[in-house]
Amino acid sequence: MGKPIKVALAGAGAFGIKHLDAIGLIDGVEVVSLVSRELAKTKEVADKYGIGHVTTELADSLARKDVDAVILCTPTQLHAAQAIQCLKAGKHVQVEIPLADSLRDAEAVAALQKQTGLVAMCGHTRRFNPSHQWVHKKIQAGEFNIQQMDVQTYFFRRTNMNALGQPRSWTDHLLWHHAAHTVDLFAYQTGGEIVQANAVQGPIHPRLGIAMDMSIQLKSSTGAICTLSLSFNNDGPLGTFFRYIGDTGTYLARYDDLVNGKDEKIDVSKVAVSMNGIELQDREFFAAIREGREPNASVAQVLPCYRTLDKIEKQLG
């Protein structure tokens, strides 16, 4: 396997913890530095996971010669600038979704990755969830073609809370974060380019300054269509629900669970080495570093998603 890959993780919140748990299941990888906003809380997390170096400044971690790669689980608004900071420091980088909250910034990260040749990947986890992988393999085998995807992304977040129900310092975004998952997945699963995108949004929240409800329509160059409904106003059930309507069947996915149109459960436990999408995503990142190759969900591969989001944002005004 060679020498261990040594990692700095930035952002010790809800998603940072998910990555720490995932990395603990992967051989040949060690988290050697933890970066987060509040030093005392960061030290608590570092002690729990046996991480020796703690800081509130990403630059401190990037200055360490033993750091090979960085995983960014920081607020959306910091993603692009920090990804660029990592690449300029000569570190491989995985940035949690979204890559950026503007097309200009996403393109800047992609351009620098091309220049450096380093591995730069974005956390488009739906590509890695076993439920979606099962559908993808069926499509690749020529056994299923998508005619329509119907997706509902529903949360109840009228205040700034993270996935653990804790207050956070930044505002989430339906378009640039949550829609990114489905826009990318739709293109990835159909194997086509998104040639049409239409959207409407509900009222802007008076305190958060964002739309709390949104509806998006997409069309692929394959002819398939997608309808995506998003809400921060939905008081349960929570999460994202995917319905794949195809020429040979219907499949409904929610995270790692998959059923057919008759509500019969499909066993996806043998699709990959784990049922944990984050772990599979991290395994791909580290494998790409070891093998010197482009990873699935590289910044270059996901860039078309952000071009579509940019078009939608301009429609919404």
Protein backbone atom coordinates (compact mmCIF):
# COMPACT_ATOMS: atom_id res chain seq x y z
CA MET A 1 0.00 0.00 0.00
CA GLY A 2 2.95 2.34 0.53
CA LYS A 3 3.24 5.10 3.09
CA PRO A 4 0.09 6.42 4.79
CA ILE A 5 -1.71 9.38 3.28
CA LYS A 6 -1.72 12.13 5.89
CA VAL A 7 -4.74 14.38 5.93
CA ALA A 8 -5.79 17.72 7.35
CA LEU A 9 -9.52 18.13 7.89
CA ALA A 10 -11.04 21.60 8.05
CA GLY A 11 -14.43 22.01 9.70
CA ALA A 12 -15.17 19.92 12.78
CA GLY A 13 -18.95 20.28 12.53
CA ALA A 14 -21.59 17.71 11.58
CA PHE A 15 -20.10 16.79 8.20
CA GLY A 16 -16.53 16.94 9.41
CA ILE A 17 -17.42 14.30 12.01
CA LYS A 18 -18.93 12.10 9.27
CA HIS A 19 -15.63 12.24 7.38
CA LEU A 20 -13.59 11.50 10.51
CA ASP A 21 -15.75 8.44 11.18
CA ALA A 22 -15.38 7.33 7.56
CA ILE A 23 -11.61 7.78 7.47
CA GLY A 24 -11.34 5.64 10.59
CA LEU A 25 -12.58 2.73 8.44
CA ILE A 26 -10.00 3.23 5.68
CA ASP A 27 -6.56 1.64 5.91
CA GLY A 28 -3.46 3.67 5.13
CA VAL A 29 -4.94 7.08 5.92
CA GLU A 30 -4.28 9.22 8.99
CA VAL A 31 -5.76 12.57 10.00
CA VAL A 32 -2.85 14.56 11.42
CA SER A 33 -4.36 18.06 11.64
CA LEU A 34 -7.80 19.41 12.52
CA VAL A 35 -8.90 22.95 11.69
CA SER A 36 -12.04 24.64 12.95
CA ARG A 37 -13.36 27.98 14.13
CA GLU A 38 -13.55 27.43 17.90
CA LEU A 39 -10.31 26.12 19.38
CA ALA A 40 -11.73 24.53 22.54
CA LYS A 41 -14.41 22.55 20.65
CA THR A 42 -11.87 21.57 18.01
CA LYS A 43 -9.53 20.21 20.69
CA GLU A 44 -12.39 18.11 22.09
CA VAL A 45 -12.98 16.52 18.69
CA ALA A 46 -9.24 16.07 18.09
CA ASP A 47 -8.83 14.30 21.43
CA LYS A 48 -11.71 11.95 20.64
CA TYR A 49 -10.19 10.97 17.27
CA GLY A 50 -6.53 11.00 18.34
CA ILE A 51 -5.51 13.93 16.14
CA GLY A 52 -2.30 15.55 17.30
CA HIS A 53 -2.43 19.01 15.69
CA VAL A 54 -5.24 21.53 16.22
CA THR A 55 -5.58 25.04 14.82
CA THR A 56 -8.11 27.69 13.84
CA GLU A 57 -6.15 28.66 10.71
CA LEU A 58 -6.07 26.53 7.56
CA ALA A 59 -2.68 28.07 6.68
CA ASP A 60 -1.16 26.40 9.76
CA SER A 61 -2.18 22.97 8.47
CA LEU A 62 -1.06 23.73 4.91
CA ALA A 63 2.39 24.72 6.21
CA ARG A 64 2.92 21.22 7.60
CA LYS A 65 5.16 19.12 5.36
CA ASP A 66 3.51 15.90 6.54
CA VAL A 67 0.07 16.93 5.18
CA ASP A 68 -0.55 15.33 1.78
CA ALA A 69 -4.24 16.13 1.35
CA VAL A 70 -7.03 18.26 2.78
CA ILE A 71 -10.75 17.65 3.19
CA LEU A 72 -12.79 20.85 3.45
CA CYS A 73 -16.03 20.66 5.45
CA THR A 74 -16.22 24.41 6.00
CA PRO A 75 -19.04 26.89 5.23
CA THR A 76 -20.09 27.03 1.58
CA GLN A 77 -18.90 30.61 1.16
CA LEU A 78 -15.30 29.53 1.93
CA HIS A 79 -15.09 26.45 -0.30
CA ALA A 80 -13.60 27.87 -3.49
CA ALA A 81 -11.07 30.18 -1.84
CA GLN A 82 -9.90 27.43 0.52
CA ALA A 83 -9.69 24.85 -2.28
CA ILE A 84 -7.47 27.28 -4.20
CA GLN A 85 -5.40 27.85 -1.06
CA CYS A 86 -4.86 24.08 -0.73
CA LEU A 87 -3.88 23.60 -4.37
CA LYS A 88 -1.45 26.53 -4.23
CA ALA A 89 0.14 24.87 -1.18
CA GLY A 90 0.66 21.70 -3.22
CA LYS A 91 -2.00 19.65 -1.40
CA HIS A 92 -4.62 17.36 -2.91
CA VAL A 93 -8.07 18.56 -1.91
CA GLN A 94 -11.59 17.23 -1.49
CA VAL A 95 -14.14 19.97 -0.93
CA GLU A 96 -17.58 19.16 0.38
CA ILE A 97 -20.50 20.06 -1.85
CA PRO A 98 -20.86 22.67 -3.22
CA LEU A 99 -17.56 23.41 -4.95
CA ALA A 100 -18.49 27.10 -4.92
CA ASP A 101 -21.46 29.43 -4.72
CA SER A 102 -20.70 31.10 -8.04
CA LEU A 103 -19.66 29.84 -11.46
CA ARG A 104 -16.65 32.16 -11.59
CA ASP A 105 -15.23 30.65 -8.40
CA ALA A 106 -15.95 27.07 -9.51
CA GLU A 107 -14.14 27.71 -12.80
CA ALA A 108 -11.17 29.21 -10.94
CA VAL A 109 -10.77 26.02 -8.87
CA ALA A 110 -11.03 23.84 -11.99
CA ALA A 111 -8.44 25.95 -13.84
CA LEU A 112 -5.94 25.74 -10.99
CA GLN A 113 -6.44 21.97 -10.66
CA LYS A 114 -5.64 21.58 -14.35
CA GLN A 115 -2.53 23.71 -13.92
CA THR A 116 -1.24 21.84 -10.85
CA GLY A 117 -2.28 18.31 -11.82
CA LEU A 118 -3.22 17.62 -8.19
CA VAL A 119 -6.29 15.58 -7.26
CA ALA A 120 -9.20 17.93 -6.64
CA MET A 121 -12.58 16.37 -5.95
CA CYS A 122 -15.97 17.61 -4.83
CA GLY A 123 -18.25 15.80 -2.38
CA HIS A 124 -21.11 14.96 -4.76
CA THR A 125 -22.06 12.07 -2.49
CA ARG A 126 -25.04 10.87 -4.54
CA ARG A 127 -22.61 9.46 -7.11
CA PHE A 128 -21.32 7.17 -4.36
CA ASN A 129 -24.45 6.14 -2.43
CA PRO A 130 -25.00 2.39 -3.09
CA SER A 131 -28.66 2.98 -4.04
CA HIS A 132 -27.68 5.34 -6.87
CA GLN A 133 -24.68 3.20 -7.81
CA TRP A 134 -27.06 0.24 -8.28
CA VAL A 135 -29.16 2.27 -10.71
CA HIS A 136 -26.02 3.55 -12.46
CA LYS A 137 -24.71 0.01 -13.01
CA LYS A 138 -28.07 -1.03 -14.45
CA ILE A 139 -27.92 1.90 -16.88
CA GLN A 140 -24.33 1.06 -17.87
CA ALA A 141 -25.36 -2.54 -18.52
CA GLY A 142 -28.04 -1.32 -20.94
CA GLU A 143 -30.83 -2.71 -18.74
CA PHE A 144 -32.46 0.60 -17.77
CA ASN A 145 -32.83 4.04 -19.32
CA ILE A 146 -34.16 7.03 -17.40
CA GLN A 147 -37.24 8.73 -18.83
CA GLN A 148 -37.85 10.95 -15.81
CA MET A 149 -36.46 11.65 -12.37
CA ASP A 150 -38.71 13.13 -9.69
CA VAL A 151 -36.79 14.43 -6.68
CA GLN A 152 -37.89 16.04 -3.41
CA THR A 153 -35.34 17.68 -1.12
CA TYR A 154 -37.09 18.68 2.08
CA PHE A 155 -35.79 20.16 5.33
CA PHE A 156 -37.19 22.21 8.20
CA ARG A 157 -34.62 24.97 8.66
CA ARG A 158 -36.17 28.31 9.46
CA THR A 159 -33.09 29.10 11.53
CA ASN A 160 -29.41 28.40 10.88
CA MET A 161 -29.01 24.82 12.12
CA ASN A 162 -26.65 22.09 11.00
CA ALA A 163 -27.40 18.39 10.45
CA LEU A 164 -27.01 17.77 14.20
CA GLY A 165 -29.53 20.49 15.08
CA GLN A 166 -26.82 22.85 16.32
CA PRO A 167 -26.64 26.58 15.51
CA ARG A 168 -24.15 27.54 12.80
CA SER A 169 -22.53 30.75 11.68
CA TRP A 170 -23.44 30.66 7.97
CA THR A 171 -26.54 30.43 5.80
CA ASP A 172 -27.27 27.33 3.73
CA HIS A 173 -28.63 27.66 0.18
CA LEU A 174 -31.22 25.58 -1.68
CA LEU A 175 -29.78 26.28 -5.15
CA TRP A 176 -26.01 26.25 -4.74
CA HIS A 177 -25.93 23.43 -2.18
CA HIS A 178 -28.98 21.19 -2.21
CA ALA A 179 -29.94 21.50 -5.87
CA ALA A 180 -26.32 20.78 -6.82
CA HIS A 181 -26.74 17.18 -5.62
CA THR A 182 -29.61 16.46 -8.01
CA VAL A 183 -28.43 18.56 -10.97
CA ASP A 184 -25.14 16.65 -10.99
CA LEU A 185 -26.77 13.27 -10.35
CA PHE A 186 -29.28 13.74 -13.17
CA ALA A 187 -26.49 14.45 -15.69
CA TYR A 188 -24.35 11.61 -14.29
CA GLN A 189 -27.14 9.02 -14.40
CA THR A 190 -28.48 9.95 -17.85
CA GLY A 191 -24.99 10.25 -19.32
CA GLY A 192 -26.05 13.40 -21.14
CA GLU A 193 -25.69 17.15 -20.85
CA ILE A 194 -28.37 19.33 -19.29
CA VAL A 195 -29.75 21.28 -22.25
CA GLN A 196 -32.68 23.01 -20.55
CA ALA A 197 -33.20 24.33 -17.02
CA ASN A 198 -36.17 26.28 -15.68
CA ALA A 199 -36.85 27.42 -12.12
CA VAL A 200 -39.17 29.39 -9.87
CA GLN A 201 -38.71 30.24 -6.21
CA GLY A 202 -40.89 31.26 -3.29
CA PRO A 203 -40.63 34.33 -1.04
CA ILE A 204 -37.28 35.45 0.36
CA HIS A 205 -37.01 34.84 4.12
CA PRO A 206 -36.91 38.24 5.92
CA ARG A 207 -34.02 37.27 8.24
CA LEU A 208 -32.07 34.60 6.35
CA GLY A 209 -32.21 36.45 3.03
CA ILE A 210 -32.75 33.28 0.96
CA ALA A 211 -35.64 31.59 -0.81
CA MET A 212 -37.07 28.83 1.37
CA ASP A 213 -38.87 27.03 -1.47
CA MET A 214 -37.81 26.30 -5.05
CA SER A 215 -38.94 24.26 -8.04
CA ILE A 216 -36.57 23.26 -10.86
CA GLN A 217 -37.15 21.51 -14.20
CA LEU A 218 -34.28 19.96 -16.17
CA LYS A 219 -33.92 18.25 -19.54
CA SER A 220 -30.99 16.06 -20.61
CA SER A 221 -29.59 15.76 -24.11
CA THR A 222 -30.78 12.13 -23.88
CA GLY A 223 -34.38 13.39 -23.75
CA ALA A 224 -34.88 12.50 -20.08
CA ILE A 225 -36.48 15.09 -17.81
CA CYS A 226 -36.18 15.87 -14.10
CA THR A 227 -38.49 17.68 -11.69
CA LEU A 228 -36.87 18.86 -8.45
CA SER A 229 -38.76 20.34 -5.50
CA LEU A 230 -36.79 21.89 -2.62
CA SER A 231 -37.94 23.37 0.69
CA PHE A 232 -36.60 24.57 4.03
CA ASN A 233 -40.21 24.98 5.20
CA ASN A 234 -41.15 21.30 5.26
CA ASP A 235 -41.97 19.97 8.73
CA GLY A 236 -41.27 16.29 7.93
CA PRO A 237 -40.57 13.79 6.69
CA LEU A 238 -37.09 15.17 6.07
CA GLY A 239 -34.41 14.25 3.55
CA THR A 240 -34.20 13.69 -0.19
CA PHE A 241 -36.38 11.23 -2.07
CA PHE A 242 -35.52 10.13 -5.61
CA ARG A 243 -37.90 8.43 -8.04
CA TYR A 244 -36.32 6.99 -11.18
CA ILE A 245 -38.91 6.35 -13.90
CA GLY A 246 -37.41 4.31 -16.74
CA ASP A 247 -38.20 2.16 -19.72
CA THR A 248 -37.96 -1.12 -17.79
CA GLY A 249 -38.98 -0.18 -14.25
CA THR A 250 -39.39 2.39 -11.49
CA TYR A 251 -37.01 2.75 -8.54
CA LEU A 252 -37.25 4.90 -5.42
CA ALA A 253 -34.09 5.82 -3.51
CA ARG A 254 -33.65 7.49 -0.17
CA TYR A 255 -30.01 7.70 0.91
CA ASP A 256 -28.85 4.07 0.88
CA ASP A 257 -32.28 2.43 0.67
CA LEU A 258 -33.76 1.39 -2.67
CA VAL A 259 -37.16 -0.10 -3.56
CA ASN A 260 -38.92 -0.78 -6.83
CA GLY A 261 -42.26 0.65 -7.91
CA LYS A 262 -44.09 -2.06 -5.95
CA ASP A 263 -42.28 -1.00 -2.77
CA GLU A 264 -40.19 -4.19 -2.79
CA LYS A 265 -36.79 -3.69 -1.19
CA ILE A 266 -33.71 -4.10 -3.40
CA ASP A 267 -30.54 -5.38 -1.73
CA VAL A 268 -27.73 -2.89 -2.46
CA SER A 269 -25.37 -4.21 0.24
CA LYS A 270 -23.09 -5.90 -2.33
CA VAL A 271 -22.79 -2.87 -4.63
CA ALA A 272 -19.65 -1.57 -2.90
CA VAL A 273 -17.35 -2.31 0.04
CA SER A 274 -19.49 -0.15 2.33
CA MET A 275 -23.04 1.14 2.66
CA ASN A 276 -21.69 4.54 3.76
CA GLY A 277 -21.67 7.05 0.90
CA ILE A 278 -19.22 9.37 2.66
CA GLU A 279 -16.79 6.50 3.25
CA LEU A 280 -17.04 5.45 -0.42
CA GLN A 281 -16.48 9.05 -1.48
CA ASP A 282 -13.37 9.28 0.74
CA ARG A 283 -12.08 5.93 -0.51
CA GLU A 284 -12.28 7.25 -4.08
CA PHE A 285 -10.36 10.41 -3.11
CA PHE A 286 -7.51 8.49 -1.50
CA ALA A 287 -7.42 5.86 -4.27
CA ALA A 288 -7.10 8.60 -6.89
CA ILE A 289 -4.17 10.11 -4.97
CA ARG A 290 -2.39 6.74 -4.71
CA GLU A 291 -3.05 5.84 -8.35
CA GLY A 292 -2.32 9.30 -9.77
CA ARG A 293 -5.65 9.49 -11.63
CA GLU A 294 -8.74 11.66 -11.92
CA PRO A 295 -11.38 10.70 -9.33
CA ASN A 296 -15.07 10.26 -9.90
CA ALA A 297 -16.64 13.65 -9.00
CA SER A 298 -13.44 15.55 -9.86
CA VAL A 299 -13.88 19.32 -10.06
CA ALA A 300 -13.64 19.03 -13.85
CA GLN A 301 -16.44 16.43 -13.96
CA VAL A 302 -18.83 18.41 -11.73
CA LEU A 303 -18.19 21.81 -13.33
CA PRO A 304 -21.14 21.46 -15.77
CA CYS A 305 -23.43 21.24 -12.73
CA TYR A 306 -22.31 24.69 -11.61
CA ARG A 307 -22.82 26.08 -15.10
CA THR A 308 -26.43 24.92 -14.87
CA LEU A 309 -26.84 26.43 -11.39
CA ASP A 310 -25.49 29.73 -12.75
CA LYS A 311 -28.10 29.71 -15.54
CA ILE A 312 -30.84 29.01 -13.01
CA GLU A 313 -29.66 31.79 -10.70
CA LYS A 314 -29.77 34.27 -13.58
CA GLN A 315 -33.34 33.18 -14.36
CA LEU A 316 -34.37 33.76 -10.76
CA GLY A 317 -32.85 37.24 -10.82
